[in-house]
Amino acid sequence: MNIEGSEKEIFSENYKNWLPKTKSMLIELHDGKNAGCSKAVFKSVNEYDFAVAETAPYGVLFTKEGVYRAWYAKWYKEEIYNPNINKDRFPTFYLDNEK
C-alpha cells in the first residue's frame, strides 16, 4: 500500500469491514506528508493480531500473527536450527515441539 499519506484516513475509519479479512499487507508510511499515519496504522493492526514480519526502507510488512509464527518457526527450524545446532550439546529446543 503506497497511498502517499492517506494511510491515516484508511486506517482511522471503516477498516473494521476489511482488515479482519486481511492476512498480510505491505504499507509504506508517510508521516511526513500527513502526521499520524503510523499511529493510525499501528493502532488498527493491533486490534487484529498482526505482527511486524519485516521492516524495510519502502515500508512495513504486517502479517497475521498465526500465519507469520507458523512460517517463521518452519523456516528457522529448516534453515537455521537443524543445519547448525549440535544436537548432542543441545538435544531439545522450543522449535522441536513446533509442527
C-alpha atoms as a PDB file:
ATOM      1  CA  MET A   1       0.000   0.000   0.000  1.00  0.00           C
ATOM      2  CA  ASN A   2       1.604   3.217  -1.142  1.00  0.00           C
ATOM      3  CA  ILE A   3      -1.060   5.901  -0.890  1.00  0.00           C
ATOM      4  CA  GLU A   4       1.104   8.938  -0.123  1.00  0.00           C
ATOM      5  CA  GLY A   5      -0.254   9.907   3.282  1.00  0.00           C
ATOM      6  CA  SER A   6      -3.807   8.604   3.062  1.00  0.00           C
ATOM      7  CA  GLU A   7      -2.948   5.738   5.409  1.00  0.00           C
ATOM      8  CA  LYS A   8      -4.283   7.842   8.269  1.00  0.00           C
ATOM      9  CA  GLU A   9      -7.754   8.057   6.754  1.00  0.00           C
ATOM     10  CA  ILE A  10      -7.844   4.420   5.584  1.00  0.00           C
ATOM     11  CA  PHE A  11      -6.857   3.077   8.999  1.00  0.00           C
ATOM     12  CA  SER A  12      -8.913   5.517  11.069  1.00  0.00           C
ATOM     13  CA  GLU A  13     -12.376   4.753   9.668  1.00  0.00           C
ATOM     14  CA  ASN A  14     -14.175   1.777   8.137  1.00  0.00           C
ATOM     15  CA  TYR A  15     -11.199  -0.568   8.475  1.00  0.00           C
ATOM     16  CA  LYS A  16     -13.235  -2.965  10.625  1.00  0.00           C
ATOM     17  CA  ASN A  17     -15.004  -4.192   7.479  1.00  0.00           C
ATOM     18  CA  TRP A  18     -11.899  -5.301   5.582  1.00  0.00           C
ATOM     19  CA  LEU A  19      -8.927  -5.545   7.970  1.00  0.00           C
ATOM     20  CA  PRO A  20     -10.073  -8.753   9.747  1.00  0.00           C
ATOM     21  CA  LYS A  21     -10.144 -10.493   6.328  1.00  0.00           C
ATOM     22  CA  THR A  22      -6.586  -9.418   5.501  1.00  0.00           C
ATOM     23  CA  LYS A  23      -3.691 -11.866   6.085  1.00  0.00           C
ATOM     24  CA  SER A  24      -0.727  -9.692   5.080  1.00  0.00           C
ATOM     25  CA  MET A  25      -0.059  -6.182   3.837  1.00  0.00           C
ATOM     26  CA  LEU A  26       2.970  -4.107   2.963  1.00  0.00           C
ATOM     27  CA  ILE A  27       2.465  -0.474   3.882  1.00  0.00           C
ATOM     28  CA  GLU A  28       4.666   2.500   3.102  1.00  0.00           C
ATOM     29  CA  LEU A  29       4.068   5.073   5.840  1.00  0.00           C
ATOM     30  CA  HIS A  30       4.059   8.806   5.097  1.00  0.00           C
ATOM     31  CA  ASP A  31       4.028  10.686   8.394  1.00  0.00           C
ATOM     32  CA  GLY A  32       5.990  13.470   6.733  1.00  0.00           C
ATOM     33  CA  LYS A  33       3.067  14.127   4.396  1.00  0.00           C
ATOM     34  CA  ASN A  34       0.234  13.505   6.859  1.00  0.00           C
ATOM     35  CA  ALA A  35       1.085  13.440  10.568  1.00  0.00           C
ATOM     36  CA  GLY A  36      -0.393  10.498  12.415  1.00  0.00           C
ATOM     37  CA  CYS A  37      -0.263   7.927   9.593  1.00  0.00           C
ATOM     38  CA  SER A  38       1.877   5.479  11.546  1.00  0.00           C
ATOM     39  CA  LYS A  39      -0.151   5.886  14.709  1.00  0.00           C
ATOM     40  CA  ALA A  40      -3.410   5.113  12.870  1.00  0.00           C
ATOM     41  CA  VAL A  41      -1.943   2.055  11.131  1.00  0.00           C
ATOM     42  CA  PHE A  42      -0.356   0.552  14.242  1.00  0.00           C
ATOM     43  CA  LYS A  43      -3.453   1.221  16.349  1.00  0.00           C
ATOM     44  CA  SER A  44      -5.749  -0.571  13.923  1.00  0.00           C
ATOM     45  CA  VAL A  45      -3.473  -3.549  13.175  1.00  0.00           C
ATOM     46  CA  ASN A  46      -3.018  -4.142  16.897  1.00  0.00           C
ATOM     47  CA  GLU A  47      -6.753  -4.774  17.147  1.00  0.00           C
ATOM     48  CA  TYR A  48      -6.478  -7.733  14.753  1.00  0.00           C
ATOM     49  CA  ASP A  49      -3.448  -9.726  15.888  1.00  0.00           C
ATOM     50  CA  PHE A  50      -0.928  -8.628  13.267  1.00  0.00           C
ATOM     51  CA  ALA A  51       2.821  -8.995  13.695  1.00  0.00           C
ATOM     52  CA  VAL A  52       5.522  -6.914  12.056  1.00  0.00           C
ATOM     53  CA  ALA A  53       7.087  -9.503   9.795  1.00  0.00           C
ATOM     54  CA  GLU A  54       9.629  -7.230   8.127  1.00  0.00           C
ATOM     55  CA  THR A  55      10.692  -3.610   8.007  1.00  0.00           C
ATOM     56  CA  ALA A  56      12.449  -2.079   5.049  1.00  0.00           C
ATOM     57  CA  PRO A  57      13.132   1.367   3.594  1.00  0.00           C
ATOM     58  CA  TYR A  58       9.992   1.012   1.472  1.00  0.00           C
ATOM     59  CA  GLY A  59       7.573   0.041   4.224  1.00  0.00           C
ATOM     60  CA  VAL A  60       6.412  -2.336   6.915  1.00  0.00           C
ATOM     61  CA  LEU A  61       5.148  -5.850   6.229  1.00  0.00           C
ATOM     62  CA  PHE A  62       2.322  -6.780   8.581  1.00  0.00           C
ATOM     63  CA  THR A  63       1.188 -10.415   8.716  1.00  0.00           C
ATOM     64  CA  LYS A  64      -1.380 -12.094  10.941  1.00  0.00           C
ATOM     65  CA  GLU A  65       0.481 -13.430  13.969  1.00  0.00           C
ATOM     66  CA  GLY A  66      -0.661 -17.032  13.449  1.00  0.00           C
ATOM     67  CA  VAL A  67       0.388 -17.070   9.791  1.00  0.00           C
ATOM     68  CA  TYR A  68       3.740 -15.428  10.495  1.00  0.00           C
ATOM     69  CA  ARG A  69       4.535 -17.546  13.554  1.00  0.00           C
ATOM     70  CA  ALA A  70       3.933 -20.816  11.676  1.00  0.00           C
ATOM     71  CA  TRP A  71       6.012 -19.700   8.690  1.00  0.00           C
ATOM     72  CA  TYR A  72       8.847 -18.334  10.827  1.00  0.00           C
ATOM     73  CA  ALA A  73       9.064 -21.451  13.019  1.00  0.00           C
ATOM     74  CA  LYS A  74       9.236 -23.705   9.947  1.00  0.00           C
ATOM     75  CA  TRP A  75      11.803 -21.517   8.186  1.00  0.00           C
ATOM     76  CA  TYR A  76      14.003 -21.108  11.271  1.00  0.00           C
ATOM     77  CA  LYS A  77      13.958 -24.802  12.065  1.00  0.00           C
ATOM     78  CA  GLU A  78      14.784 -25.884   8.499  1.00  0.00           C
ATOM     79  CA  GLU A  79      17.251 -23.154   7.530  1.00  0.00           C
ATOM     80  CA  ILE A  80      18.973 -22.176  10.774  1.00  0.00           C
ATOM     81  CA  TYR A  81      18.355 -24.617  13.592  1.00  0.00           C
ATOM     82  CA  ASN A  82      18.604 -28.094  12.024  1.00  0.00           C
ATOM     83  CA  PRO A  83      21.735 -27.438   9.932  1.00  0.00           C
ATOM     84  CA  ASN A  84      23.621 -25.522  12.631  1.00  0.00           C
ATOM     85  CA  ILE A  85      22.725 -26.771  16.106  1.00  0.00           C
ATOM     86  CA  ASN A  86      24.774 -29.528  17.707  1.00  0.00           C
ATOM     87  CA  LYS A  87      22.047 -31.949  18.880  1.00  0.00           C
ATOM     88  CA  ASP A  88      24.473 -33.648  21.286  1.00  0.00           C
ATOM     89  CA  ARG A  89      25.070 -30.355  23.039  1.00  0.00           C
ATOM     90  CA  PHE A  90      21.506 -29.008  22.709  1.00  0.00           C
ATOM     91  CA  PRO A  91      19.191 -32.029  22.485  1.00  0.00           C
ATOM     92  CA  THR A  92      15.952 -30.070  22.822  1.00  0.00           C
ATOM     93  CA  PHE A  93      14.853 -26.688  21.633  1.00  0.00           C
ATOM     94  CA  TYR A  94      11.491 -24.932  21.709  1.00  0.00           C
ATOM     95  CA  LEU A  95      11.082 -25.386  17.950  1.00  0.00           C
ATOM     96  CA  ASP A  96      11.311 -29.159  18.336  1.00  0.00           C
ATOM     97  CA  ASN A  97       7.712 -29.017  19.539  1.00  0.00           C
ATOM     98  CA  GLU A  98       6.517 -26.877  16.604  1.00  0.00           C
ATOM     99  CA  LYS A  99       4.602 -28.506  13.812  1.00  0.00           C
END
